[in-house]
């Protein structure tokens, strides 16, 4: 089974990447703000992704959980992987929720992200489900493969099959100006 080893003493280089919200008619959650950063090792190979979302509950009901699908896109907009990210916090009607996630095993072709809401669960036991929930193109196998830093995973999820093989690193045009992030919330 492939694995990733990281020197815990080394500062990772990070580069912001574009993260766009793909809204759906009738979805009770919208995205107020998104930020994404790719982490690179000393050889400029991607080793991880950091995602920060601020979302809004546009309904009058209290939101209990929301599930996002995040797709990795290459330069041509083709899907080269994806994962699901859950947030299980209560957000009152009209209120906002905030969460951050970190994902490893990123396809080196990834240049931008597309984010959409898959499901919501409300306190009154009602739900909303995306019409595109069955579209699993590029989804990482197993559970979401992504856990908020404060949660404890119940299972170990292997890295996606598209991890980089020796000798297959692609040149990354984003190699210039890579530097450690000074206000890294994951370092705490």
N, C-alpha and C. Protein backbone atom coordinates (compact mmCIF):
# COMPACT_ATOMS: atom_id res chain seq x y z
N UNK A 1 0.85 -1.17 0.00
CA UNK A 1 0.00 0.00 0.00
C UNK A 1 0.90 1.24 0.00
N UNK A 2 0.68 2.21 -0.93
CA UNK A 2 1.50 3.42 -0.97
C UNK A 2 1.23 4.29 0.26
N UNK A 3 2.22 5.05 0.65
CA UNK A 3 2.08 5.94 1.78
C UNK A 3 2.88 7.21 1.52
N UNK A 4 2.61 8.23 2.31
CA UNK A 4 3.33 9.48 2.20
C UNK A 4 4.03 9.74 3.51
N UNK A 5 5.31 10.00 3.49
CA UNK A 5 6.06 10.36 4.69
C UNK A 5 6.46 11.82 4.55
N UNK A 6 6.33 12.56 5.61
CA UNK A 6 6.64 13.99 5.58
C UNK A 6 7.53 14.33 6.75
N UNK A 7 8.52 15.15 6.53
CA UNK A 7 9.37 15.65 7.59
C UNK A 7 8.58 16.70 8.36
N UNK A 8 8.25 16.42 9.60
CA UNK A 8 7.43 17.32 10.40
C UNK A 8 8.15 18.63 10.72
N UNK A 9 9.45 18.67 10.56
CA UNK A 9 10.21 19.88 10.86
C UNK A 9 10.29 20.84 9.67
N UNK A 10 9.99 20.35 8.48
CA UNK A 10 10.15 21.16 7.27
C UNK A 10 8.93 22.05 7.05
N UNK A 11 9.17 23.29 6.62
CA UNK A 11 8.09 24.17 6.23
C UNK A 11 7.62 23.79 4.84
N UNK A 12 6.32 23.62 4.68
CA UNK A 12 5.79 23.33 3.36
C UNK A 12 5.62 24.62 2.59
N UNK A 13 5.86 24.54 1.29
CA UNK A 13 5.62 25.68 0.43
C UNK A 13 4.16 25.60 -0.01
N UNK A 14 3.49 26.72 -0.06
CA UNK A 14 2.08 26.74 -0.45
C UNK A 14 1.85 27.73 -1.58
N UNK A 15 0.85 27.42 -2.38
CA UNK A 15 0.46 28.28 -3.50
C UNK A 15 -1.06 28.32 -3.55
N UNK A 16 -1.68 29.50 -3.56
CA UNK A 16 -3.14 29.54 -3.67
C UNK A 16 -3.59 29.01 -5.04
N UNK A 17 -4.74 28.33 -5.04
CA UNK A 17 -5.34 27.91 -6.31
C UNK A 17 -6.81 28.35 -6.31
N UNK A 18 -7.36 28.47 -7.48
CA UNK A 18 -8.72 28.94 -7.68
C UNK A 18 -9.73 27.90 -7.18
N UNK A 19 -10.73 28.34 -6.43
CA UNK A 19 -11.79 27.45 -5.93
C UNK A 19 -13.13 28.14 -6.19
N UNK A 20 -13.90 27.59 -7.11
CA UNK A 20 -15.18 28.19 -7.52
C UNK A 20 -16.35 27.34 -7.05
N UNK A 21 -17.44 28.00 -6.69
CA UNK A 21 -18.65 27.33 -6.23
C UNK A 21 -19.57 27.08 -7.41
N UNK A 22 -20.05 25.85 -7.53
CA UNK A 22 -20.99 25.45 -8.57
C UNK A 22 -22.36 25.33 -7.92
N UNK A 23 -23.17 26.40 -8.03
CA UNK A 23 -24.47 26.41 -7.34
C UNK A 23 -25.50 25.59 -8.11
N UNK A 24 -26.54 25.19 -7.39
CA UNK A 24 -27.63 24.41 -7.97
C UNK A 24 -28.95 25.04 -7.54
N UNK A 25 -29.89 25.14 -8.46
CA UNK A 25 -31.19 25.72 -8.17
C UNK A 25 -31.86 24.96 -7.03
N UNK A 26 -32.34 25.68 -6.04
CA UNK A 26 -33.03 25.07 -4.91
C UNK A 26 -32.14 24.67 -3.75
N UNK A 27 -30.84 24.79 -3.91
CA UNK A 27 -29.91 24.42 -2.84
C UNK A 27 -30.03 25.43 -1.69
N UNK A 28 -30.24 24.97 -0.45
CA UNK A 28 -30.41 25.89 0.67
C UNK A 28 -29.09 26.43 1.24
N UNK A 29 -27.96 26.06 0.67
CA UNK A 29 -26.66 26.51 1.16
C UNK A 29 -25.91 27.18 0.02
N UNK A 30 -25.31 28.32 0.32
CA UNK A 30 -24.46 29.01 -0.66
C UNK A 30 -23.09 29.22 -0.04
N UNK A 31 -22.14 29.54 -0.86
CA UNK A 31 -20.77 29.75 -0.40
C UNK A 31 -20.50 31.25 -0.34
N UNK A 32 -20.13 31.74 0.85
CA UNK A 32 -19.77 33.15 1.02
C UNK A 32 -18.33 33.40 0.64
N UNK A 33 -17.46 32.45 1.01
CA UNK A 33 -16.04 32.63 0.77
C UNK A 33 -15.35 31.27 0.66
N UNK A 34 -14.38 31.20 -0.23
CA UNK A 34 -13.58 29.97 -0.34
C UNK A 34 -12.13 30.36 -0.59
N UNK A 35 -11.25 29.57 0.00
CA UNK A 35 -9.82 29.74 -0.22
C UNK A 35 -9.21 28.35 -0.27
N UNK A 36 -8.32 28.14 -1.22
CA UNK A 36 -7.65 26.85 -1.34
C UNK A 36 -6.17 27.08 -1.60
N UNK A 37 -5.36 26.19 -1.02
CA UNK A 37 -3.92 26.27 -1.18
C UNK A 37 -3.36 24.87 -1.41
N UNK A 38 -2.44 24.78 -2.34
CA UNK A 38 -1.72 23.53 -2.58
C UNK A 38 -0.43 23.58 -1.77
N UNK A 39 -0.08 22.45 -1.14
CA UNK A 39 1.18 22.31 -0.43
C UNK A 39 2.16 21.57 -1.34
N UNK A 40 3.42 22.01 -1.34
CA UNK A 40 4.44 21.39 -2.19
C UNK A 40 5.63 20.95 -1.36
N UNK A 41 6.23 19.83 -1.75
CA UNK A 41 7.44 19.36 -1.09
C UNK A 41 8.64 20.12 -1.65
N UNK A 42 9.86 19.85 -1.16
CA UNK A 42 11.04 20.57 -1.64
C UNK A 42 11.32 20.39 -3.14
N UNK A 43 10.70 19.37 -3.76
CA UNK A 43 10.89 19.14 -5.19
C UNK A 43 9.74 19.69 -6.01
N UNK A 44 8.89 20.49 -5.37
CA UNK A 44 7.73 21.14 -5.99
C UNK A 44 6.67 20.16 -6.47
N UNK A 45 6.59 19.01 -5.83
CA UNK A 45 5.51 18.05 -6.11
C UNK A 45 4.39 18.32 -5.09
N UNK A 46 3.13 18.33 -5.54
CA UNK A 46 2.03 18.58 -4.60
C UNK A 46 1.90 17.43 -3.59
N UNK A 47 1.76 17.80 -2.33
CA UNK A 47 1.60 16.79 -1.28
C UNK A 47 0.27 16.94 -0.54
N UNK A 48 -0.38 18.07 -0.68
CA UNK A 48 -1.63 18.26 0.04
C UNK A 48 -2.37 19.49 -0.44
N UNK A 49 -3.61 19.57 0.03
CA UNK A 49 -4.49 20.68 -0.30
C UNK A 49 -5.13 21.16 0.99
N UNK A 50 -5.20 22.44 1.16
CA UNK A 50 -5.90 23.06 2.29
C UNK A 50 -7.10 23.79 1.73
N UNK A 51 -8.26 23.58 2.33
CA UNK A 51 -9.50 24.21 1.86
C UNK A 51 -10.18 24.88 3.03
N UNK A 52 -10.55 26.14 2.84
CA UNK A 52 -11.23 26.94 3.85
C UNK A 52 -12.54 27.44 3.24
N UNK A 53 -13.66 27.11 3.85
CA UNK A 53 -14.97 27.53 3.33
C UNK A 53 -15.76 28.28 4.39
N UNK A 54 -16.45 29.32 3.96
CA UNK A 54 -17.48 29.98 4.76
C UNK A 54 -18.75 29.86 3.95
N UNK A 55 -19.75 29.19 4.51
CA UNK A 55 -21.00 28.95 3.79
C UNK A 55 -22.18 29.52 4.56
N UNK A 56 -23.30 29.72 3.87
CA UNK A 56 -24.49 30.32 4.45
C UNK A 56 -25.68 29.40 4.33
N UNK A 57 -26.44 29.29 5.42
CA UNK A 57 -27.71 28.58 5.43
C UNK A 57 -28.78 29.56 4.96
N UNK A 58 -29.25 29.42 3.75
CA UNK A 58 -30.23 30.35 3.17
C UNK A 58 -31.66 29.98 3.50
N UNK A 59 -31.88 28.96 4.30
CA UNK A 59 -33.23 28.57 4.68
C UNK A 59 -33.59 29.19 6.03
N UNK A 60 -34.85 29.04 6.42
CA UNK A 60 -35.31 29.51 7.73
C UNK A 60 -35.07 28.44 8.80
N UNK A 61 -34.75 27.22 8.38
CA UNK A 61 -34.57 26.09 9.31
C UNK A 61 -33.12 26.00 9.78
N UNK A 62 -32.94 25.38 10.94
CA UNK A 62 -31.60 25.16 11.48
C UNK A 62 -30.93 23.99 10.75
N UNK A 63 -29.72 24.23 10.26
CA UNK A 63 -28.95 23.25 9.51
C UNK A 63 -28.13 22.41 10.49
N UNK A 64 -28.18 21.09 10.36
CA UNK A 64 -27.42 20.19 11.23
C UNK A 64 -26.15 19.67 10.58
N UNK A 65 -26.15 19.52 9.26
CA UNK A 65 -24.97 19.01 8.56
C UNK A 65 -25.06 19.38 7.08
N UNK A 66 -23.89 19.51 6.47
CA UNK A 66 -23.81 19.76 5.04
C UNK A 66 -22.66 18.93 4.47
N UNK A 67 -22.86 18.39 3.26
CA UNK A 67 -21.84 17.60 2.59
C UNK A 67 -21.49 18.30 1.28
N UNK A 68 -20.20 18.59 1.10
CA UNK A 68 -19.70 19.23 -0.12
C UNK A 68 -18.96 18.20 -0.96
N UNK A 69 -19.01 18.36 -2.28
CA UNK A 69 -18.13 17.62 -3.18
C UNK A 69 -17.15 18.62 -3.76
N UNK A 70 -15.87 18.28 -3.68
CA UNK A 70 -14.79 19.12 -4.20
C UNK A 70 -14.12 18.35 -5.31
N UNK A 71 -14.13 18.92 -6.51
CA UNK A 71 -13.51 18.27 -7.66
C UNK A 71 -12.21 18.98 -8.01
N UNK A 72 -11.16 18.17 -8.29
CA UNK A 72 -9.89 18.69 -8.77
C UNK A 72 -9.99 18.81 -10.28
N UNK A 73 -9.62 19.96 -10.82
CA UNK A 73 -9.68 20.19 -12.26
C UNK A 73 -8.29 20.53 -12.79
N UNK A 74 -8.00 20.05 -14.01
CA UNK A 74 -6.71 20.37 -14.64
C UNK A 74 -6.85 21.66 -15.44
N UNK A 75 -5.82 22.00 -16.22
CA UNK A 75 -5.81 23.24 -17.01
C UNK A 75 -6.97 23.33 -17.99
N UNK A 76 -7.43 22.18 -18.51
CA UNK A 76 -8.52 22.16 -19.48
C UNK A 76 -9.89 22.05 -18.82
N UNK A 77 -9.94 22.03 -17.50
CA UNK A 77 -11.22 21.90 -16.79
C UNK A 77 -11.69 20.46 -16.66
N UNK A 78 -10.84 19.49 -16.96
CA UNK A 78 -11.19 18.08 -16.84
C UNK A 78 -10.99 17.62 -15.40
N UNK A 79 -11.91 16.80 -14.91
CA UNK A 79 -11.83 16.28 -13.55
C UNK A 79 -10.66 15.30 -13.45
N UNK A 80 -9.80 15.52 -12.46
CA UNK A 80 -8.68 14.61 -12.23
C UNK A 80 -8.69 14.10 -10.78
N UNK A 81 -9.86 14.09 -10.18
CA UNK A 81 -10.04 13.57 -8.82
C UNK A 81 -11.07 14.39 -8.07
N UNK A 82 -11.54 13.86 -6.96
CA UNK A 82 -12.46 14.60 -6.11
C UNK A 82 -12.56 13.94 -4.74
N UNK A 83 -13.20 14.62 -3.83
CA UNK A 83 -13.45 14.08 -2.50
C UNK A 83 -14.70 14.75 -1.94
N UNK A 84 -15.22 14.19 -0.86
CA UNK A 84 -16.37 14.77 -0.18
C UNK A 84 -15.92 15.27 1.18
N UNK A 85 -16.44 16.43 1.56
CA UNK A 85 -16.09 17.07 2.82
C UNK A 85 -17.38 17.38 3.58
N UNK A 86 -17.47 16.88 4.81
CA UNK A 86 -18.67 17.08 5.62
C UNK A 86 -18.40 18.08 6.72
N UNK A 87 -19.44 18.83 7.08
CA UNK A 87 -19.39 19.67 8.27
C UNK A 87 -20.66 19.39 9.07
N UNK A 88 -20.49 18.96 10.30
CA UNK A 88 -21.62 18.57 11.14
C UNK A 88 -21.80 19.55 12.29
N UNK A 89 -21.99 20.81 11.95
CA UNK A 89 -22.24 21.81 12.97
C UNK A 89 -23.60 22.44 12.75
N UNK A 90 -24.22 22.89 13.81
CA UNK A 90 -25.52 23.56 13.70
C UNK A 90 -25.32 24.98 13.20
N UNK A 91 -26.11 25.35 12.20
CA UNK A 91 -26.10 26.71 11.67
C UNK A 91 -27.55 27.16 11.58
N UNK A 92 -27.90 28.21 12.32
CA UNK A 92 -29.27 28.71 12.33
C UNK A 92 -29.66 29.23 10.96
N UNK A 93 -30.96 29.32 10.72
CA UNK A 93 -31.45 29.85 9.45
C UNK A 93 -30.88 31.25 9.21
N UNK A 94 -30.30 31.47 8.04
CA UNK A 94 -29.68 32.75 7.71
C UNK A 94 -28.26 32.89 8.23
N UNK A 95 -27.82 31.95 9.05
CA UNK A 95 -26.48 32.03 9.66
C UNK A 95 -25.40 31.45 8.75
N UNK A 96 -24.16 31.61 9.21
CA UNK A 96 -23.01 31.14 8.44
C UNK A 96 -22.23 30.09 9.22
N UNK A 97 -21.64 29.17 8.50
CA UNK A 97 -20.76 28.16 9.07
C UNK A 97 -19.39 28.28 8.43
N UNK A 98 -18.38 27.87 9.16
CA UNK A 98 -17.00 27.94 8.68
C UNK A 98 -16.32 26.62 8.97
N UNK A 99 -15.53 26.13 8.02
CA UNK A 99 -14.78 24.89 8.25
C UNK A 99 -13.52 24.91 7.41
N UNK A 100 -12.54 24.13 7.84
CA UNK A 100 -11.29 23.97 7.09
C UNK A 100 -11.00 22.48 7.03
N UNK A 101 -10.43 22.05 5.90
CA UNK A 101 -10.06 20.66 5.69
C UNK A 101 -8.67 20.61 5.08
N UNK A 102 -8.04 19.45 5.23
CA UNK A 102 -6.75 19.20 4.57
C UNK A 102 -6.85 17.84 3.91
N UNK A 103 -6.41 17.74 2.67
CA UNK A 103 -6.48 16.51 1.89
C UNK A 103 -5.11 16.21 1.32
N UNK A 104 -4.65 14.97 1.44
CA UNK A 104 -3.39 14.52 0.86
C UNK A 104 -3.67 13.67 -0.37
N UNK A 105 -2.63 13.34 -1.12
CA UNK A 105 -2.78 12.51 -2.30
C UNK A 105 -3.38 13.27 -3.46
N UNK A 106 -2.88 14.45 -3.72
CA UNK A 106 -3.42 15.33 -4.76
C UNK A 106 -2.78 15.00 -6.11
N UNK A 107 -3.62 14.90 -7.13
CA UNK A 107 -3.14 14.66 -8.48
C UNK A 107 -2.28 15.86 -8.91
N UNK A 108 -1.07 15.63 -9.43
CA UNK A 108 -0.21 16.75 -9.81
C UNK A 108 -0.75 17.60 -10.95
N UNK A 109 -1.77 17.12 -11.68
CA UNK A 109 -2.38 17.93 -12.73
C UNK A 109 -3.35 18.97 -12.18
N UNK A 110 -3.69 18.91 -10.90
CA UNK A 110 -4.69 19.80 -10.30
C UNK A 110 -4.23 21.25 -10.38
N UNK A 111 -5.10 22.10 -10.96
CA UNK A 111 -4.81 23.53 -11.08
C UNK A 111 -5.90 24.40 -10.45
N UNK A 112 -7.12 23.84 -10.27
CA UNK A 112 -8.22 24.60 -9.68
C UNK A 112 -9.25 23.62 -9.11
N UNK A 113 -10.21 24.16 -8.35
CA UNK A 113 -11.23 23.35 -7.69
C UNK A 113 -12.62 23.82 -8.08
N UNK A 114 -13.56 22.87 -8.13
CA UNK A 114 -14.99 23.18 -8.28
C UNK A 114 -15.68 22.58 -7.05
N UNK A 115 -16.47 23.38 -6.36
CA UNK A 115 -17.11 22.97 -5.11
C UNK A 115 -18.62 23.06 -5.28
N UNK A 116 -19.32 22.02 -4.79
CA UNK A 116 -20.78 22.08 -4.80
C UNK A 116 -21.32 21.36 -3.58
N UNK A 117 -22.56 21.69 -3.23
CA UNK A 117 -23.24 21.06 -2.10
C UNK A 117 -23.92 19.80 -2.62
N UNK A 118 -23.71 18.67 -1.92
CA UNK A 118 -24.37 17.41 -2.28
C UNK A 118 -25.63 17.16 -1.46
N UNK A 119 -25.53 17.41 -0.14
CA UNK A 119 -26.66 17.13 0.74
C UNK A 119 -26.65 18.08 1.92
N UNK A 120 -27.85 18.32 2.45
CA UNK A 120 -27.99 19.04 3.71
C UNK A 120 -28.95 18.26 4.60
N UNK A 121 -28.76 18.41 5.89
CA UNK A 121 -29.63 17.78 6.88
C UNK A 121 -30.05 18.86 7.86
N UNK A 122 -31.37 18.96 8.11
CA UNK A 122 -31.89 20.00 8.99
C UNK A 122 -32.33 19.43 10.33
N UNK A 123 -32.44 20.30 11.33
CA UNK A 123 -32.81 19.89 12.68
C UNK A 123 -34.20 19.27 12.73
N UNK A 124 -35.08 19.68 11.82
CA UNK A 124 -36.45 19.12 11.81
C UNK A 124 -36.51 17.78 11.07
N UNK A 125 -35.39 17.17 10.80
CA UNK A 125 -35.20 15.89 10.11
C UNK A 125 -35.46 15.94 8.60
N UNK A 126 -35.75 17.10 8.05
CA UNK A 126 -35.87 17.19 6.60
C UNK A 126 -34.47 17.28 5.98
N UNK A 127 -34.40 16.96 4.69
CA UNK A 127 -33.13 16.94 3.97
C UNK A 127 -33.28 17.60 2.61
N UNK A 128 -32.17 18.03 2.05
CA UNK A 128 -32.11 18.45 0.65
C UNK A 128 -30.98 17.63 0.02
N UNK A 129 -31.24 17.10 -1.18
CA UNK A 129 -30.24 16.31 -1.89
C UNK A 129 -30.09 16.85 -3.31
N UNK A 130 -28.86 16.99 -3.73
CA UNK A 130 -28.55 17.47 -5.08
C UNK A 130 -29.08 16.50 -6.12
N UNK A 131 -29.52 17.03 -7.24
CA UNK A 131 -29.93 16.19 -8.36
C UNK A 131 -28.73 15.45 -8.96
N UNK A 132 -27.52 15.95 -8.68
CA UNK A 132 -26.29 15.35 -9.22
C UNK A 132 -25.57 14.47 -8.21
N UNK A 133 -26.27 14.00 -7.19
CA UNK A 133 -25.62 13.20 -6.15
C UNK A 133 -25.04 11.90 -6.71
N UNK A 134 -25.64 11.32 -7.73
CA UNK A 134 -25.17 10.06 -8.29
C UNK A 134 -23.99 10.20 -9.22
N UNK A 135 -23.54 11.43 -9.50
CA UNK A 135 -22.41 11.65 -10.39
C UNK A 135 -21.13 11.52 -9.58
N UNK A 136 -20.52 10.33 -9.62
CA UNK A 136 -19.33 10.07 -8.82
C UNK A 136 -18.05 10.13 -9.63
N UNK A 137 -18.05 10.79 -10.76
CA UNK A 137 -16.85 10.83 -11.58
C UNK A 137 -15.70 11.46 -10.80
N UNK A 138 -14.66 10.68 -10.64
CA UNK A 138 -13.46 11.17 -9.98
C UNK A 138 -13.47 11.13 -8.47
N UNK A 139 -14.51 10.61 -7.82
CA UNK A 139 -14.59 10.62 -6.38
C UNK A 139 -13.62 9.59 -5.79
N UNK A 140 -12.91 9.99 -4.75
CA UNK A 140 -12.02 9.09 -4.03
C UNK A 140 -12.83 7.94 -3.46
N UNK A 141 -12.32 6.72 -3.57
CA UNK A 141 -13.04 5.56 -3.05
C UNK A 141 -13.00 5.52 -1.54
N UNK A 142 -13.90 4.75 -0.96
CA UNK A 142 -13.99 4.64 0.49
C UNK A 142 -14.81 5.77 1.06
N UNK A 143 -14.56 6.10 2.33
CA UNK A 143 -15.29 7.21 2.93
C UNK A 143 -14.76 8.51 2.35
N UNK A 144 -15.14 9.62 2.91
CA UNK A 144 -14.80 10.90 2.31
C UNK A 144 -13.31 11.09 2.11
N UNK A 145 -12.46 10.44 2.89
CA UNK A 145 -11.03 10.62 2.75
C UNK A 145 -10.57 11.97 3.27
N UNK A 146 -11.48 12.70 3.89
CA UNK A 146 -11.19 14.04 4.34
C UNK A 146 -11.87 14.25 5.67
N UNK A 147 -11.15 14.70 6.64
CA UNK A 147 -11.70 14.89 7.97
C UNK A 147 -11.31 16.26 8.47
N UNK A 148 -12.27 17.04 9.01
CA UNK A 148 -11.87 18.30 9.63
C UNK A 148 -10.84 18.02 10.71
N UNK A 149 -9.89 18.93 10.93
CA UNK A 149 -8.82 18.68 11.89
C UNK A 149 -9.33 18.34 13.29
N UNK A 150 -10.52 18.82 13.68
CA UNK A 150 -11.03 18.58 15.02
C UNK A 150 -11.71 17.23 15.17
N UNK A 151 -12.01 16.54 14.07
CA UNK A 151 -12.73 15.27 14.13
C UNK A 151 -11.76 14.10 14.22
N UNK A 152 -12.26 12.98 14.70
CA UNK A 152 -11.46 11.77 14.77
C UNK A 152 -11.97 10.78 13.74
N UNK A 153 -11.15 10.36 12.78
CA UNK A 153 -11.64 9.43 11.77
C UNK A 153 -11.90 8.06 12.39
N UNK A 154 -12.96 7.40 11.91
CA UNK A 154 -13.28 6.07 12.43
C UNK A 154 -12.63 4.98 11.60
N UNK A 155 -12.20 5.30 10.39
CA UNK A 155 -11.52 4.32 9.55
C UNK A 155 -10.32 4.97 8.90
N UNK A 156 -9.39 4.16 8.48
CA UNK A 156 -8.22 4.67 7.76
C UNK A 156 -8.51 4.54 6.28
N UNK A 157 -8.37 5.64 5.56
CA UNK A 157 -8.66 5.67 4.13
C UNK A 157 -7.35 5.72 3.38
N UNK A 158 -7.10 4.77 2.48
CA UNK A 158 -5.85 4.81 1.71
C UNK A 158 -5.83 6.01 0.78
N UNK A 159 -4.64 6.47 0.39
CA UNK A 159 -4.58 7.59 -0.54
C UNK A 159 -5.16 7.17 -1.89
N UNK A 160 -5.64 8.16 -2.67
CA UNK A 160 -6.21 7.83 -3.97
C UNK A 160 -5.21 7.14 -4.88
N UNK A 161 -5.73 6.39 -5.84
CA UNK A 161 -4.89 5.62 -6.75
C UNK A 161 -4.06 6.50 -7.66
N UNK A 162 -4.44 7.76 -7.84
CA UNK A 162 -3.73 8.60 -8.78
C UNK A 162 -2.52 9.30 -8.16
N UNK A 163 -1.96 8.79 -7.08
CA UNK A 163 -0.76 9.39 -6.51
C UNK A 163 0.38 9.29 -7.52
N UNK A 164 1.28 10.23 -7.43
CA UNK A 164 2.37 10.33 -8.39
C UNK A 164 3.32 9.15 -8.27
N UNK A 165 3.70 8.58 -9.39
CA UNK A 165 4.66 7.48 -9.43
C UNK A 165 6.04 8.06 -9.71
N UNK A 166 7.11 7.38 -9.26
CA UNK A 166 8.46 7.88 -9.52
C UNK A 166 8.67 8.13 -11.01
N UNK A 167 9.28 9.26 -11.31
CA UNK A 167 9.59 9.61 -12.69
C UNK A 167 8.42 10.22 -13.45
N UNK A 168 7.24 10.38 -12.80
CA UNK A 168 6.09 10.91 -13.53
C UNK A 168 5.72 12.31 -13.10
N UNK A 169 6.58 12.99 -12.35
CA UNK A 169 6.27 14.35 -11.93
C UNK A 169 6.18 15.26 -13.15
N UNK A 170 5.14 16.05 -13.17
CA UNK A 170 4.97 17.00 -14.25
C UNK A 170 5.56 18.34 -13.83
N UNK A 171 6.05 19.10 -14.78
CA UNK A 171 6.54 20.44 -14.47
C UNK A 171 5.39 21.28 -13.96
N UNK A 172 5.60 22.01 -12.91
CA UNK A 172 4.56 22.83 -12.32
C UNK A 172 4.86 24.29 -12.60
N UNK A 173 4.02 24.96 -13.41
CA UNK A 173 4.29 26.36 -13.72
C UNK A 173 4.16 27.26 -12.49
N UNK A 174 3.61 26.75 -11.41
CA UNK A 174 3.44 27.55 -10.21
C UNK A 174 4.65 27.47 -9.29
N UNK A 175 5.79 26.98 -9.80
CA UNK A 175 6.97 26.79 -8.96
C UNK A 175 7.54 28.10 -8.43
N UNK A 176 7.34 29.19 -9.15
CA UNK A 176 7.91 30.44 -8.71
C UNK A 176 7.14 30.99 -7.51
N UNK A 177 7.84 31.70 -6.67
CA UNK A 177 7.26 32.40 -5.53
C UNK A 177 6.57 31.49 -4.52
N UNK A 178 6.99 30.24 -4.38
CA UNK A 178 6.44 29.36 -3.36
C UNK A 178 7.13 29.67 -2.04
N UNK A 179 6.35 29.86 -1.00
CA UNK A 179 6.94 30.16 0.30
C UNK A 179 6.03 29.62 1.40
N UNK A 180 6.58 29.36 2.59
CA UNK A 180 5.74 28.89 3.68
C UNK A 180 4.71 29.96 4.06
N UNK A 181 3.54 29.53 4.40
CA UNK A 181 2.48 30.45 4.82
C UNK A 181 2.75 30.86 6.26
N UNK A 182 2.74 32.14 6.53
CA UNK A 182 3.06 32.65 7.86
C UNK A 182 1.93 32.44 8.87
N UNK A 183 0.68 32.51 8.42
CA UNK A 183 -0.46 32.38 9.33
C UNK A 183 -1.14 31.02 9.17
N UNK A 184 -0.36 29.95 9.10
CA UNK A 184 -0.86 28.61 8.85
C UNK A 184 -1.69 28.09 10.02
N UNK A 185 -3.02 27.97 9.87
CA UNK A 185 -3.86 27.47 10.97
C UNK A 185 -3.65 25.98 11.23
N UNK A 186 -3.07 25.25 10.28
CA UNK A 186 -2.83 23.82 10.49
C UNK A 186 -1.59 23.58 11.34
N UNK A 187 -0.74 24.59 11.51
CA UNK A 187 0.46 24.42 12.29
C UNK A 187 0.18 24.48 13.79
N UNK A 188 -1.02 24.87 14.15
CA UNK A 188 -1.38 25.02 15.57
C UNK A 188 -1.84 23.74 16.17
